[in-house]
Amino acid sequence: MTFIDQVWGTPNERIHTLGTLALLLSLTLYLFFTPLNKPEGLAVFYLFSAGCSLIGLATIRNSWSRWRTGEDTLILLRRRGTESREYEVTLYLFGKAVHWKGRIAHVDVGQFSVTPIDNTMVPPSGSALSRGYQMFRAVYWAGCSSIAFQTLFGVAALGYGLWLLTIVFQYMESNA
């Protein structure tokens, strides 16, 4: 899969890519021109609000298609397959062994298990800090890849972008 296929494949990927480009252009304009007058400020914040709205829309559309078909339509959220490395981590917490095994690949987050610690278990390898970070990463991606989180993120991004767009239009119509 080429880079173009990854960012311009499905309609949701196109919408997300346009939103990302709008955010990058907004940041570029802000850093290079530091908006000091009305037209510059309008350009920066119009692109920023449009980028937020487009990313929110793509995420909401992806959540809807995941809920209806089980298929992800954003490259960042698609299952990666079995060729990527598989990780494994175990933490001992409060007399329980919290175990995770899987790939850190957004939706393909692996399997969690919690069992009582017994004498036959081999102590986990690696430092506690390293194992804690790996478990945090696994829990983080499990939460972020859920349909509920994606929907809430999409609604928040779309709502914020649209709200900011109304502020930009009010400023555009003002005499300031």
N, C-alpha and C. Protein backbone atom coordinates (compact mmCIF):
# COMPACT_ATOMS: atom_id res chain seq x y z
N MET A 1 0.85 -1.18 0.00
CA MET A 1 0.00 0.00 0.00
C MET A 1 0.90 1.24 0.00
N THR A 2 0.68 2.11 -0.96
CA THR A 2 1.50 3.32 -1.06
C THR A 2 1.02 4.38 -0.07
N PHE A 3 1.82 5.40 0.08
CA PHE A 3 1.45 6.51 0.96
C PHE A 3 0.17 7.18 0.49
N ILE A 4 0.04 7.36 -0.83
CA ILE A 4 -1.17 7.99 -1.39
C ILE A 4 -2.40 7.15 -1.08
N ASP A 5 -2.27 5.82 -1.20
CA ASP A 5 -3.39 4.94 -0.87
C ASP A 5 -3.77 5.07 0.60
N GLN A 6 -2.78 5.28 1.45
CA GLN A 6 -3.04 5.37 2.88
C GLN A 6 -3.78 6.65 3.26
N VAL A 7 -3.47 7.75 2.61
CA VAL A 7 -4.08 9.03 3.01
C VAL A 7 -5.21 9.47 2.09
N TRP A 8 -5.37 8.81 0.95
CA TRP A 8 -6.39 9.25 0.00
C TRP A 8 -7.23 8.07 -0.48
N GLY A 9 -7.38 7.02 0.33
CA GLY A 9 -8.08 5.82 -0.09
C GLY A 9 -9.59 5.94 0.00
N THR A 10 -10.13 5.85 1.20
CA THR A 10 -11.58 5.90 1.38
C THR A 10 -12.04 7.35 1.50
N PRO A 11 -13.34 7.60 1.36
CA PRO A 11 -13.83 8.97 1.56
C PRO A 11 -13.48 9.53 2.94
N ASN A 12 -13.54 8.70 3.98
CA ASN A 12 -13.19 9.18 5.32
C ASN A 12 -11.71 9.55 5.41
N GLU A 13 -10.85 8.80 4.74
CA GLU A 13 -9.43 9.15 4.74
C GLU A 13 -9.20 10.46 4.01
N ARG A 14 -9.94 10.69 2.94
CA ARG A 14 -9.81 11.96 2.21
C ARG A 14 -10.25 13.14 3.08
N ILE A 15 -11.38 12.97 3.75
CA ILE A 15 -11.88 14.04 4.63
C ILE A 15 -10.87 14.31 5.73
N HIS A 16 -10.36 13.24 6.35
CA HIS A 16 -9.39 13.38 7.44
C HIS A 16 -8.10 14.04 6.94
N THR A 17 -7.64 13.66 5.75
CA THR A 17 -6.43 14.24 5.17
C THR A 17 -6.62 15.72 4.89
N LEU A 18 -7.77 16.10 4.34
CA LEU A 18 -8.05 17.52 4.10
C LEU A 18 -8.06 18.30 5.42
N GLY A 19 -8.66 17.72 6.46
CA GLY A 19 -8.66 18.37 7.77
C GLY A 19 -7.26 18.53 8.32
N THR A 20 -6.44 17.51 8.18
CA THR A 20 -5.05 17.58 8.65
C THR A 20 -4.27 18.64 7.88
N LEU A 21 -4.47 18.69 6.57
CA LEU A 21 -3.79 19.71 5.77
C LEU A 21 -4.23 21.11 6.16
N ALA A 22 -5.52 21.29 6.46
CA ALA A 22 -6.01 22.60 6.90
C ALA A 22 -5.35 22.99 8.22
N LEU A 23 -5.21 22.04 9.15
CA LEU A 23 -4.55 22.33 10.43
C LEU A 23 -3.08 22.68 10.20
N LEU A 24 -2.41 21.94 9.34
CA LEU A 24 -0.99 22.23 9.06
C LEU A 24 -0.82 23.59 8.40
N LEU A 25 -1.68 23.93 7.47
CA LEU A 25 -1.61 25.23 6.82
C LEU A 25 -1.90 26.35 7.81
N SER A 26 -2.86 26.12 8.69
CA SER A 26 -3.17 27.11 9.73
C SER A 26 -1.96 27.34 10.63
N LEU A 27 -1.32 26.26 11.05
CA LEU A 27 -0.13 26.38 11.89
C LEU A 27 0.99 27.09 11.15
N THR A 28 1.19 26.74 9.89
CA THR A 28 2.24 27.37 9.08
C THR A 28 2.00 28.87 8.95
N LEU A 29 0.78 29.25 8.63
CA LEU A 29 0.45 30.68 8.51
C LEU A 29 0.68 31.40 9.84
N TYR A 30 0.27 30.77 10.92
CA TYR A 30 0.43 31.39 12.24
C TYR A 30 1.90 31.59 12.58
N LEU A 31 2.72 30.55 12.35
CA LEU A 31 4.13 30.64 12.71
C LEU A 31 4.91 31.61 11.83
N PHE A 32 4.60 31.66 10.55
CA PHE A 32 5.36 32.51 9.65
C PHE A 32 4.88 33.96 9.60
N PHE A 33 3.59 34.16 9.78
CA PHE A 33 3.06 35.51 9.63
C PHE A 33 2.57 36.14 10.92
N THR A 34 2.45 35.40 11.99
CA THR A 34 1.93 35.89 13.26
C THR A 34 0.82 36.91 13.00
N PRO A 35 -0.41 36.45 12.83
CA PRO A 35 -1.48 37.33 12.36
C PRO A 35 -1.62 38.60 13.20
N LEU A 36 -1.39 39.72 12.56
CA LEU A 36 -1.50 41.01 13.23
C LEU A 36 -2.66 41.83 12.69
N ASN A 37 -3.26 41.39 11.61
CA ASN A 37 -4.40 42.13 11.08
C ASN A 37 -5.56 41.17 10.82
N LYS A 38 -6.70 41.74 10.48
CA LYS A 38 -7.92 40.96 10.36
C LYS A 38 -7.84 39.87 9.29
N PRO A 39 -7.40 40.15 8.07
CA PRO A 39 -7.34 39.09 7.06
C PRO A 39 -6.45 37.91 7.45
N GLU A 40 -5.30 38.20 8.06
CA GLU A 40 -4.41 37.12 8.47
C GLU A 40 -5.05 36.28 9.57
N GLY A 41 -5.66 36.94 10.55
CA GLY A 41 -6.35 36.23 11.63
C GLY A 41 -7.50 35.38 11.11
N LEU A 42 -8.26 35.92 10.18
CA LEU A 42 -9.36 35.16 9.60
C LEU A 42 -8.85 33.92 8.87
N ALA A 43 -7.77 34.07 8.11
CA ALA A 43 -7.22 32.93 7.38
C ALA A 43 -6.76 31.83 8.33
N VAL A 44 -6.02 32.21 9.37
CA VAL A 44 -5.49 31.23 10.33
C VAL A 44 -6.63 30.51 11.03
N PHE A 45 -7.58 31.26 11.57
CA PHE A 45 -8.63 30.61 12.37
C PHE A 45 -9.71 29.96 11.52
N TYR A 46 -9.91 30.41 10.28
CA TYR A 46 -10.82 29.71 9.40
C TYR A 46 -10.25 28.33 9.05
N LEU A 47 -8.97 28.27 8.72
CA LEU A 47 -8.35 26.99 8.41
C LEU A 47 -8.34 26.06 9.63
N PHE A 48 -8.07 26.63 10.81
CA PHE A 48 -8.05 25.82 12.02
C PHE A 48 -9.43 25.24 12.31
N SER A 49 -10.47 26.06 12.25
CA SER A 49 -11.82 25.56 12.53
C SER A 49 -12.28 24.57 11.47
N ALA A 50 -11.92 24.81 10.21
CA ALA A 50 -12.28 23.87 9.15
C ALA A 50 -11.56 22.53 9.35
N GLY A 51 -10.30 22.58 9.74
CA GLY A 51 -9.55 21.35 10.00
C GLY A 51 -10.15 20.53 11.13
N CYS A 52 -10.49 21.19 12.24
CA CYS A 52 -11.12 20.49 13.35
C CYS A 52 -12.44 19.87 12.92
N SER A 53 -13.24 20.63 12.19
CA SER A 53 -14.55 20.13 11.73
C SER A 53 -14.40 18.93 10.81
N LEU A 54 -13.47 18.99 9.88
CA LEU A 54 -13.29 17.89 8.94
C LEU A 54 -12.78 16.62 9.64
N ILE A 55 -11.86 16.77 10.56
CA ILE A 55 -11.37 15.60 11.30
C ILE A 55 -12.49 15.01 12.16
N GLY A 56 -13.28 15.86 12.79
CA GLY A 56 -14.43 15.38 13.56
C GLY A 56 -15.43 14.64 12.69
N LEU A 57 -15.71 15.18 11.53
CA LEU A 57 -16.65 14.54 10.60
C LEU A 57 -16.14 13.18 10.16
N ALA A 58 -14.87 13.09 9.80
CA ALA A 58 -14.29 11.81 9.38
C ALA A 58 -14.36 10.77 10.50
N THR A 59 -14.10 11.21 11.73
CA THR A 59 -14.13 10.29 12.87
C THR A 59 -15.54 9.81 13.17
N ILE A 60 -16.51 10.72 13.08
CA ILE A 60 -17.91 10.32 13.29
C ILE A 60 -18.34 9.34 12.20
N ARG A 61 -18.00 9.64 10.96
CA ARG A 61 -18.36 8.73 9.86
C ARG A 61 -17.70 7.37 10.04
N ASN A 62 -16.46 7.34 10.52
CA ASN A 62 -15.78 6.07 10.76
C ASN A 62 -16.48 5.30 11.88
N SER A 63 -16.87 5.98 12.95
CA SER A 63 -17.57 5.33 14.05
C SER A 63 -18.88 4.71 13.56
N TRP A 64 -19.58 5.43 12.72
CA TRP A 64 -20.85 4.93 12.19
C TRP A 64 -20.61 3.68 11.34
N SER A 65 -19.62 3.72 10.48
CA SER A 65 -19.37 2.54 9.63
C SER A 65 -18.86 1.37 10.47
N ARG A 66 -18.07 1.63 11.50
CA ARG A 66 -17.62 0.54 12.39
C ARG A 66 -18.80 -0.09 13.10
N TRP A 67 -19.74 0.74 13.55
CA TRP A 67 -20.89 0.23 14.28
C TRP A 67 -21.79 -0.59 13.35
N ARG A 68 -21.99 -0.11 12.13
CA ARG A 68 -22.89 -0.79 11.19
C ARG A 68 -22.25 -2.00 10.53
N THR A 69 -20.99 -1.92 10.14
CA THR A 69 -20.38 -3.00 9.35
C THR A 69 -19.21 -3.68 10.05
N GLY A 70 -18.67 -3.07 11.10
CA GLY A 70 -17.48 -3.62 11.76
C GLY A 70 -16.19 -3.30 11.02
N GLU A 71 -16.27 -2.51 9.96
CA GLU A 71 -15.12 -2.18 9.12
C GLU A 71 -14.61 -0.77 9.43
N ASP A 72 -13.30 -0.64 9.60
CA ASP A 72 -12.69 0.67 9.82
C ASP A 72 -12.36 1.30 8.48
N THR A 73 -12.63 2.59 8.37
CA THR A 73 -12.39 3.29 7.11
C THR A 73 -11.37 4.40 7.25
N LEU A 74 -10.62 4.41 8.34
CA LEU A 74 -9.49 5.33 8.51
C LEU A 74 -8.24 4.49 8.66
N ILE A 75 -7.20 4.79 7.90
CA ILE A 75 -5.98 3.98 7.89
C ILE A 75 -5.36 3.89 9.28
N LEU A 76 -5.46 4.95 10.07
CA LEU A 76 -4.88 4.92 11.40
C LEU A 76 -5.58 3.95 12.32
N LEU A 77 -6.81 3.59 11.99
CA LEU A 77 -7.60 2.75 12.88
C LEU A 77 -7.77 1.33 12.37
N ARG A 78 -7.25 1.00 11.22
CA ARG A 78 -7.42 -0.32 10.64
C ARG A 78 -6.54 -1.35 11.30
N ARG A 79 -7.01 -2.57 11.32
CA ARG A 79 -6.19 -3.68 11.81
C ARG A 79 -4.96 -3.82 10.94
N ARG A 80 -3.83 -4.12 11.54
CA ARG A 80 -2.58 -4.18 10.80
C ARG A 80 -2.28 -5.59 10.27
N GLY A 81 -2.95 -6.61 10.76
CA GLY A 81 -2.66 -7.97 10.32
C GLY A 81 -1.71 -8.66 11.28
N THR A 82 -1.27 -9.84 10.89
CA THR A 82 -0.46 -10.65 11.79
C THR A 82 1.04 -10.50 11.58
N GLU A 83 1.46 -9.70 10.61
CA GLU A 83 2.89 -9.59 10.33
C GLU A 83 3.61 -8.65 11.30
N SER A 84 2.90 -7.81 12.02
CA SER A 84 3.57 -6.89 12.94
C SER A 84 3.93 -7.61 14.24
N ARG A 85 4.88 -7.05 14.95
CA ARG A 85 5.39 -7.64 16.19
C ARG A 85 4.30 -7.76 17.25
N GLU A 86 4.34 -8.83 18.00
CA GLU A 86 3.39 -9.03 19.09
C GLU A 86 4.11 -8.80 20.42
N TYR A 87 3.51 -8.02 21.29
CA TYR A 87 4.08 -7.69 22.58
C TYR A 87 3.38 -8.47 23.67
N GLU A 88 4.06 -8.57 24.82
CA GLU A 88 3.45 -9.25 25.97
C GLU A 88 3.98 -8.59 27.23
N VAL A 89 3.09 -8.34 28.18
CA VAL A 89 3.51 -7.72 29.43
C VAL A 89 2.62 -8.23 30.56
N THR A 90 3.24 -8.40 31.74
CA THR A 90 2.50 -8.82 32.93
C THR A 90 2.88 -7.90 34.08
N LEU A 91 1.89 -7.45 34.81
CA LEU A 91 2.09 -6.66 36.02
C LEU A 91 1.46 -7.40 37.20
N TYR A 92 2.11 -7.36 38.33
CA TYR A 92 1.52 -7.91 39.55
C TYR A 92 0.97 -6.75 40.35
N LEU A 93 -0.33 -6.73 40.55
CA LEU A 93 -0.99 -5.66 41.30
C LEU A 93 -1.98 -6.25 42.29
N PHE A 94 -1.81 -5.97 43.56
CA PHE A 94 -2.75 -6.34 44.60
C PHE A 94 -3.10 -7.83 44.57
N GLY A 95 -2.08 -8.67 44.41
CA GLY A 95 -2.29 -10.11 44.42
C GLY A 95 -2.84 -10.68 43.12
N LYS A 96 -2.89 -9.88 42.10
CA LYS A 96 -3.40 -10.33 40.80
C LYS A 96 -2.32 -10.13 39.74
N ALA A 97 -2.33 -11.00 38.75
CA ALA A 97 -1.44 -10.85 37.60
C ALA A 97 -2.28 -10.28 36.46
N VAL A 98 -1.95 -9.06 36.06
CA VAL A 98 -2.64 -8.41 34.94
C VAL A 98 -1.76 -8.64 33.72
N HIS A 99 -2.31 -9.38 32.76
CA HIS A 99 -1.53 -9.79 31.59
C HIS A 99 -2.16 -9.23 30.33
N TRP A 100 -1.29 -8.80 29.41
CA TRP A 100 -1.74 -8.34 28.10
C TRP A 100 -0.83 -8.90 27.04
N LYS A 101 -1.43 -9.33 25.93
CA LYS A 101 -0.65 -9.83 24.80
C LYS A 101 -1.33 -9.33 23.53
N GLY A 102 -0.54 -8.69 22.65
CA GLY A 102 -1.12 -8.21 21.41
C GLY A 102 -0.20 -7.26 20.68
N ARG A 103 -0.77 -6.63 19.66
CA ARG A 103 -0.06 -5.65 18.85
C ARG A 103 -0.60 -4.26 19.19
N ILE A 104 0.28 -3.30 19.27
CA ILE A 104 -0.19 -1.93 19.44
C ILE A 104 -0.46 -1.41 18.04
N ALA A 105 -1.69 -1.56 17.60
CA ALA A 105 -2.06 -1.13 16.26
C ALA A 105 -3.49 -0.61 16.30
N HIS A 106 -3.73 0.33 17.13
CA HIS A 106 -5.01 1.01 17.22
C HIS A 106 -6.14 0.03 17.53
N VAL A 107 -6.88 -0.42 16.55
CA VAL A 107 -8.02 -1.29 16.83
C VAL A 107 -7.57 -2.69 17.24
N ASP A 108 -6.47 -3.16 16.72
CA ASP A 108 -5.99 -4.50 17.00
C ASP A 108 -5.20 -4.47 18.31
N VAL A 109 -5.88 -4.33 19.44
CA VAL A 109 -5.21 -4.05 20.70
C VAL A 109 -4.86 -5.27 21.53
N GLY A 110 -5.21 -6.47 21.10
CA GLY A 110 -4.82 -7.66 21.82
C GLY A 110 -5.83 -8.08 22.88
N GLN A 111 -5.32 -8.92 23.80
CA GLN A 111 -6.18 -9.51 24.83
C GLN A 111 -5.65 -9.19 26.22
N PHE A 112 -6.55 -8.84 27.12
CA PHE A 112 -6.22 -8.60 28.52
C PHE A 112 -6.74 -9.77 29.34
N SER A 113 -6.02 -10.10 30.42
CA SER A 113 -6.51 -11.11 31.35
C SER A 113 -6.03 -10.74 32.75
N VAL A 114 -6.85 -11.09 33.74
CA VAL A 114 -6.51 -10.87 35.15
C VAL A 114 -6.70 -12.19 35.87
N THR A 115 -5.62 -12.68 36.49
CA THR A 115 -5.68 -13.95 37.21
C THR A 115 -5.02 -13.78 38.57
N PRO A 116 -5.38 -14.64 39.54
CA PRO A 116 -4.67 -14.59 40.83
C PRO A 116 -3.23 -15.06 40.65
N ILE A 117 -2.33 -14.49 41.43
CA ILE A 117 -0.92 -14.89 41.37
C ILE A 117 -0.79 -16.23 42.09
N ASP A 118 -0.10 -17.19 41.44
CA ASP A 118 0.19 -18.46 42.12
C ASP A 118 1.69 -18.73 42.05
N ASN A 119 2.13 -19.77 42.75
CA ASN A 119 3.56 -20.06 42.88
C ASN A 119 4.19 -20.57 41.59
N THR A 120 3.38 -21.03 40.63
CA THR A 120 3.95 -21.58 39.39
C THR A 120 4.25 -20.49 38.35
N MET A 121 3.82 -19.28 38.61
CA MET A 121 4.04 -18.19 37.65
C MET A 121 5.49 -17.73 37.66
N VAL A 122 6.01 -17.52 36.46
CA VAL A 122 7.36 -16.98 36.31
C VAL A 122 7.28 -15.47 36.50
N PRO A 123 8.16 -14.90 37.32
CA PRO A 123 8.12 -13.44 37.52
C PRO A 123 8.30 -12.71 36.19
N PRO A 124 7.60 -11.59 36.00
CA PRO A 124 7.72 -10.84 34.74
C PRO A 124 9.12 -10.30 34.55
N SER A 125 9.55 -10.26 33.28
CA SER A 125 10.88 -9.73 32.98
C SER A 125 10.78 -8.24 32.67
N GLY A 126 11.90 -7.55 32.75
CA GLY A 126 11.93 -6.11 32.47
C GLY A 126 11.66 -5.31 33.73
N SER A 127 11.97 -4.04 33.65
CA SER A 127 11.78 -3.17 34.81
C SER A 127 10.30 -2.86 35.01
N ALA A 128 9.95 -2.50 36.22
CA ALA A 128 8.56 -2.14 36.52
C ALA A 128 8.13 -0.92 35.71
N LEU A 129 9.05 0.02 35.50
CA LEU A 129 8.74 1.21 34.72
C LEU A 129 8.43 0.84 33.26
N SER A 130 9.24 -0.02 32.69
CA SER A 130 9.03 -0.45 31.30
C SER A 130 7.72 -1.21 31.16
N ARG A 131 7.47 -2.15 32.06
CA ARG A 131 6.23 -2.92 32.00
C ARG A 131 5.01 -2.02 32.24
N GLY A 132 5.14 -1.06 33.15
CA GLY A 132 4.04 -0.12 33.40
C GLY A 132 3.73 0.71 32.18
N TYR A 133 4.76 1.16 31.47
CA TYR A 133 4.55 1.94 30.26
C TYR A 133 3.88 1.10 29.18
N GLN A 134 4.32 -0.14 29.00
CA GLN A 134 3.71 -1.00 27.99
C GLN A 134 2.23 -1.26 28.30
N MET A 135 1.91 -1.47 29.58
CA MET A 135 0.51 -1.71 29.96
C MET A 135 -0.30 -0.44 29.77
N PHE A 136 0.27 0.73 30.12
CA PHE A 136 -0.42 2.00 29.89
C PHE A 136 -0.74 2.17 28.42
N ARG A 137 0.23 1.88 27.55
CA ARG A 137 0.03 2.00 26.11
C ARG A 137 -1.09 1.08 25.62
N ALA A 138 -1.11 -0.14 26.13
CA ALA A 138 -2.15 -1.10 25.73
C ALA A 138 -3.53 -0.62 26.19
N VAL A 139 -3.64 -0.16 27.43
CA VAL A 139 -4.93 0.32 27.95
C VAL A 139 -5.36 1.59 27.22
N TYR A 140 -4.40 2.48 26.95
CA TYR A 140 -4.69 3.72 26.24
C TYR A 140 -5.29 3.43 24.87
N TRP A 141 -4.63 2.55 24.09
CA TRP A 141 -5.13 2.25 22.74
C TRP A 141 -6.43 1.47 22.77
N ALA A 142 -6.61 0.63 23.79
CA ALA A 142 -7.89 -0.07 23.90
C ALA A 142 -9.02 0.92 24.11
N GLY A 143 -8.78 1.93 24.95
CA GLY A 143 -9.80 2.96 25.17
C GLY A 143 -10.01 3.85 23.96
N CYS A 144 -8.93 4.30 23.36
CA CYS A 144 -9.04 5.22 22.22
C CYS A 144 -9.60 4.56 20.98
N SER A 145 -9.47 3.27 20.87
CA SER A 145 -9.99 2.60 19.67
C SER A 145 -11.44 2.16 19.82
N SER A 146 -12.03 2.40 20.98
CA SER A 146 -13.43 2.01 21.15
C SER A 146 -14.34 2.91 20.32
N ILE A 147 -15.45 2.36 19.90
CA ILE A 147 -16.39 3.13 19.10
C ILE A 147 -16.93 4.32 19.90
N ALA A 148 -17.18 4.10 21.19
CA ALA A 148 -17.71 5.18 22.03
C ALA A 148 -16.74 6.36 22.09
N PHE A 149 -15.44 6.08 22.31
CA PHE A 149 -14.46 7.16 22.37
C PHE A 149 -14.35 7.87 21.03
N GLN A 150 -14.30 7.10 19.94
CA GLN A 150 -14.19 7.72 18.62
C GLN A 150 -15.39 8.62 18.33
N THR A 151 -16.57 8.16 18.73
CA THR A 151 -17.77 8.97 18.50
C THR A 151 -17.71 10.25 19.32
N LEU A 152 -17.35 10.13 20.61
CA LEU A 152 -17.26 11.33 21.45
C LEU A 152 -16.19 12.29 20.94
N PHE A 153 -15.05 11.76 20.53
CA PHE A 153 -13.99 12.60 19.98
C PHE A 153 -14.48 13.31 18.72
N GLY A 154 -15.12 12.58 17.84
CA GLY A 154 -15.63 13.16 16.59
C GLY A 154 -16.66 14.24 16.83
N VAL A 155 -17.58 13.98 17.75
CA VAL A 155 -18.61 14.98 18.07
C VAL A 155 -17.97 16.23 18.68
N ALA A 156 -17.01 16.02 19.59
CA ALA A 156 -16.33 17.17 20.21
C ALA A 156 -15.54 17.98 19.18
N ALA A 157 -14.80 17.30 18.30
CA ALA A 157 -14.01 18.01 17.29
C ALA A 157 -14.92 18.74 16.30
N LEU A 158 -15.97 18.10 15.85
CA LEU A 158 -16.90 18.74 14.93
C LEU A 158 -17.61 19.91 15.60
N GLY A 159 -18.07 19.71 16.82
CA GLY A 159 -18.75 20.79 17.55
C GLY A 159 -17.84 21.98 17.79
N TYR A 160 -16.59 21.70 18.22
CA TYR A 160 -15.65 22.78 18.45
C TYR A 160 -15.34 23.53 17.16
N GLY A 161 -15.11 22.77 16.09
CA GLY A 161 -14.80 23.40 14.81
C GLY A 161 -15.93 24.28 14.31
N LEU A 162 -17.16 23.79 14.43
CA LEU A 162 -18.31 24.58 13.99
C LEU A 162 -18.52 25.81 14.87
N TRP A 163 -18.34 25.63 16.19
CA TRP A 163 -18.47 26.76 17.10
C TRP A 163 -17.43 27.83 16.75
N LEU A 164 -16.19 27.40 16.55
CA LEU A 164 -15.13 28.35 16.22
C LEU A 164 -15.40 29.02 14.87
N LEU A 165 -15.98 28.28 13.95
CA LEU A 165 -16.31 28.84 12.65
C LEU A 165 -17.35 29.96 12.79
N THR A 166 -18.32 29.80 13.70
CA THR A 166 -19.29 30.89 13.93
C THR A 166 -18.61 32.12 14.50
N ILE A 167 -17.63 31.93 15.38
CA ILE A 167 -16.87 33.05 15.94
C ILE A 167 -16.08 33.75 14.83
N VAL A 168 -15.47 32.97 13.95
CA VAL A 168 -14.70 33.54 12.84
C VAL A 168 -15.61 34.36 11.94
N PHE A 169 -16.81 33.85 11.64
CA PHE A 169 -17.73 34.60 10.79
C PHE A 169 -18.24 35.86 11.48
N GLN A 170 -18.47 35.80 12.80
CA GLN A 170 -18.86 37.01 13.53
C GLN A 170 -17.75 38.05 13.46
N TYR A 171 -16.52 37.61 13.62
CA TYR A 171 -15.38 38.54 13.54
C TYR A 171 -15.25 39.10 12.14
N MET A 172 -15.50 38.26 11.13
CA MET A 172 -15.41 38.72 9.75
C MET A 172 -16.45 39.82 9.46
N GLU A 173 -17.63 39.70 10.05
CA GLU A 173 -18.70 40.67 9.83
C GLU A 173 -18.56 41.92 10.68
N SER A 174 -17.68 41.85 11.69
CA SER A 174 -17.55 42.99 12.59
C SER A 174 -16.69 44.08 11.95
N ASN A 175 -16.63 45.21 12.61
CA ASN A 175 -15.84 46.35 12.15
C ASN A 175 -14.45 46.39 12.80
N ALA A 176 -14.15 45.38 13.58
CA ALA A 176 -12.86 45.35 14.30
C ALA A 176 -11.70 45.15 13.38
